[in-house]
């Protein structure tokens, strides 16, 4: 089992690496070359800056029961098809039961943005979110 991180814009990279160290798991951080991420424990992979480069890198290398940390519902769906376990930065584990609703919501929001009817603004990440991510990742690893 490995942990893969879709690291572009991911707020929990260092937390996930620290937990991977605790569990002595290999961790692969996939980022585009515009981001600067360094860690002596993790394998850092730089991919092209083009759209979905990190996603395709990850999907082509994951195996059953690998954990993939991503905010991308499309990547999460592809991971599920390969029997990997996708999780977001808040600790939500994507499943076959919840992914369709999330993909539908993503499509709806995209359509609303095209019509200038949706103005989502990201909230500042709170420390509680990091604590919840840590708890949920450890919980998932303990089950496995």
Protein backbone atom coordinates (compact mmCIF):
# COMPACT_ATOMS: atom_id res chain seq x y z
CA UNK A 1 0.00 0.00 0.00
CA UNK A 2 1.17 3.51 -0.91
CA UNK A 3 -0.18 6.98 -0.34
CA UNK A 4 -0.35 9.22 -3.42
CA UNK A 5 -0.91 12.95 -3.06
CA UNK A 6 -2.37 15.10 -5.81
CA UNK A 7 -0.33 17.96 -4.41
CA UNK A 8 -1.21 20.96 -6.56
CA UNK A 9 -3.20 23.17 -4.21
CA UNK A 10 -3.40 20.49 -1.53
CA UNK A 11 -3.24 21.96 1.99
CA UNK A 12 -2.36 18.69 3.76
CA UNK A 13 0.81 17.56 1.99
CA UNK A 14 3.10 17.79 5.03
CA UNK A 15 0.47 16.26 7.33
CA UNK A 16 0.01 13.26 5.02
CA UNK A 17 3.78 12.78 4.72
CA UNK A 18 4.16 12.84 8.51
CA UNK A 19 1.44 10.22 8.92
CA UNK A 20 2.97 8.06 6.16
CA UNK A 21 6.25 8.15 8.11
CA UNK A 22 4.46 7.05 11.29
CA UNK A 23 2.99 4.05 9.48
CA UNK A 24 6.20 3.44 7.48
CA UNK A 25 4.33 3.73 4.19
CA UNK A 26 5.69 4.90 0.88
CA UNK A 27 4.32 8.29 -0.10
CA UNK A 28 4.38 9.73 -3.62
CA UNK A 29 3.75 13.45 -4.01
CA UNK A 30 2.73 14.40 -7.55
CA UNK A 31 2.87 18.08 -8.42
CA UNK A 32 3.39 20.21 -11.47
CA UNK A 33 6.78 21.79 -11.91
CA UNK A 34 5.47 25.24 -10.91
CA UNK A 35 5.10 24.11 -7.27
CA UNK A 36 8.07 23.76 -4.95
CA UNK A 37 7.69 20.82 -2.57
CA UNK A 38 10.59 19.04 -0.93
CA UNK A 39 10.71 16.30 1.65
CA UNK A 40 13.47 13.75 2.24
CA UNK A 41 10.99 10.96 3.07
CA UNK A 42 8.58 11.34 0.15
CA UNK A 43 9.10 10.60 -3.50
CA UNK A 44 8.40 13.89 -5.25
CA UNK A 45 7.27 13.68 -8.88
CA UNK A 46 7.07 16.79 -11.04
CA UNK A 47 4.79 16.62 -14.05
CA UNK A 48 3.93 19.01 -16.84
CA UNK A 49 1.81 22.00 -15.88
CA UNK A 50 -0.90 21.04 -18.37
CA UNK A 51 -4.38 20.17 -17.17
CA UNK A 52 -4.75 16.72 -15.56
CA UNK A 53 -1.07 15.73 -15.88
CA UNK A 54 -0.85 14.87 -12.18
CA UNK A 55 -4.16 12.99 -12.34
CA UNK A 56 -3.05 10.79 -15.22
CA UNK A 57 0.33 10.14 -13.60
CA UNK A 58 -1.41 8.96 -10.44
CA UNK A 59 -4.08 6.85 -12.15
CA UNK A 60 -1.47 5.06 -14.26
CA UNK A 61 0.51 4.04 -11.15
CA UNK A 62 -1.97 3.27 -8.41
CA UNK A 63 -2.88 -0.23 -7.32
CA UNK A 64 -5.70 -1.75 -5.32
CA UNK A 65 -5.87 -0.33 -1.77
CA UNK A 66 -3.49 2.56 -2.44
CA UNK A 67 -4.73 5.76 -0.82
CA UNK A 68 -5.02 8.83 -3.05
CA UNK A 69 -5.46 12.24 -1.44
CA UNK A 70 -7.13 14.61 -3.88
CA UNK A 71 -9.69 17.39 -4.12
CA UNK A 72 -10.53 16.33 -7.68
CA UNK A 73 -13.76 14.34 -8.04
CA UNK A 74 -12.78 13.15 -11.53
CA UNK A 75 -9.52 11.70 -10.23
CA UNK A 76 -11.40 10.17 -7.29
CA UNK A 77 -13.77 8.41 -9.71
CA UNK A 78 -10.88 7.01 -11.73
CA UNK A 79 -9.21 5.81 -8.52
CA UNK A 80 -12.37 3.99 -7.47
CA UNK A 81 -12.41 2.17 -10.81
CA UNK A 82 -8.93 0.83 -9.97
CA UNK A 83 -10.00 -0.12 -6.43
CA UNK A 84 -7.81 2.51 -4.82
CA UNK A 85 -9.15 4.58 -1.92
CA UNK A 86 -9.53 8.29 -2.69
CA UNK A 87 -9.85 10.77 0.16
CA UNK A 88 -10.07 14.54 0.16
CA UNK A 89 -8.17 17.11 2.22
CA UNK A 90 -10.95 17.17 4.81
CA UNK A 91 -10.90 13.42 5.42
CA UNK A 92 -13.91 12.50 3.30
CA UNK A 93 -13.42 9.09 1.73
CA UNK A 94 -14.91 8.90 -1.76
CA UNK A 95 -16.94 5.75 -2.37
CA UNK A 96 -18.98 4.22 -5.17
CA UNK A 97 -22.03 5.35 -3.19
CA UNK A 98 -21.15 9.06 -2.95
CA UNK A 99 -19.08 9.80 -6.07
CA UNK A 100 -22.00 10.11 -8.54
CA UNK A 101 -23.64 12.85 -6.50
CA UNK A 102 -20.36 14.73 -6.24
CA UNK A 103 -19.70 14.47 -9.97
CA UNK A 104 -23.24 15.70 -10.68
CA UNK A 105 -22.78 18.65 -8.31
CA UNK A 106 -19.45 19.48 -9.99
CA UNK A 107 -21.17 19.50 -13.39
CA UNK A 108 -24.01 21.69 -12.09
CA UNK A 109 -21.57 24.22 -10.59
CA UNK A 110 -19.62 24.31 -13.84
CA UNK A 111 -22.81 25.09 -15.77
CA UNK A 112 -23.76 27.83 -13.27
CA UNK A 113 -20.28 29.39 -13.56
CA UNK A 114 -20.66 29.46 -17.35
CA UNK A 115 -23.87 31.44 -16.88
CA UNK A 116 -22.23 33.72 -14.28
CA UNK A 117 -24.78 32.53 -11.70
CA UNK A 118 -22.43 30.83 -9.26
CA UNK A 119 -19.86 32.70 -7.25
CA UNK A 120 -18.31 30.26 -4.82
CA UNK A 121 -15.60 31.72 -2.65
CA UNK A 122 -13.20 29.40 -0.85
CA UNK A 123 -13.15 29.85 2.89
CA UNK A 124 -9.87 30.08 4.76
CA UNK A 125 -8.82 26.66 6.01
CA UNK A 126 -9.23 26.26 9.74
CA UNK A 127 -6.96 24.23 12.06
CA UNK A 128 -9.92 21.99 12.90
CA UNK A 129 -9.99 20.79 9.30
CA UNK A 130 -6.37 19.64 9.57
CA UNK A 131 -7.16 17.80 12.81
CA UNK A 132 -10.13 16.06 11.18
CA UNK A 133 -7.99 15.05 8.18
CA UNK A 134 -5.35 13.55 10.51
CA UNK A 135 -7.98 11.65 12.48
CA UNK A 136 -9.70 10.25 9.38
CA UNK A 137 -6.45 9.25 7.62
CA UNK A 138 -5.19 7.44 10.72
CA UNK A 139 -8.60 5.78 11.13
CA UNK A 140 -8.47 4.55 7.51
CA UNK A 141 -4.91 3.27 7.88
CA UNK A 142 -5.74 1.48 11.13
CA UNK A 143 -8.61 -0.34 9.40
CA UNK A 144 -6.27 -1.55 6.68
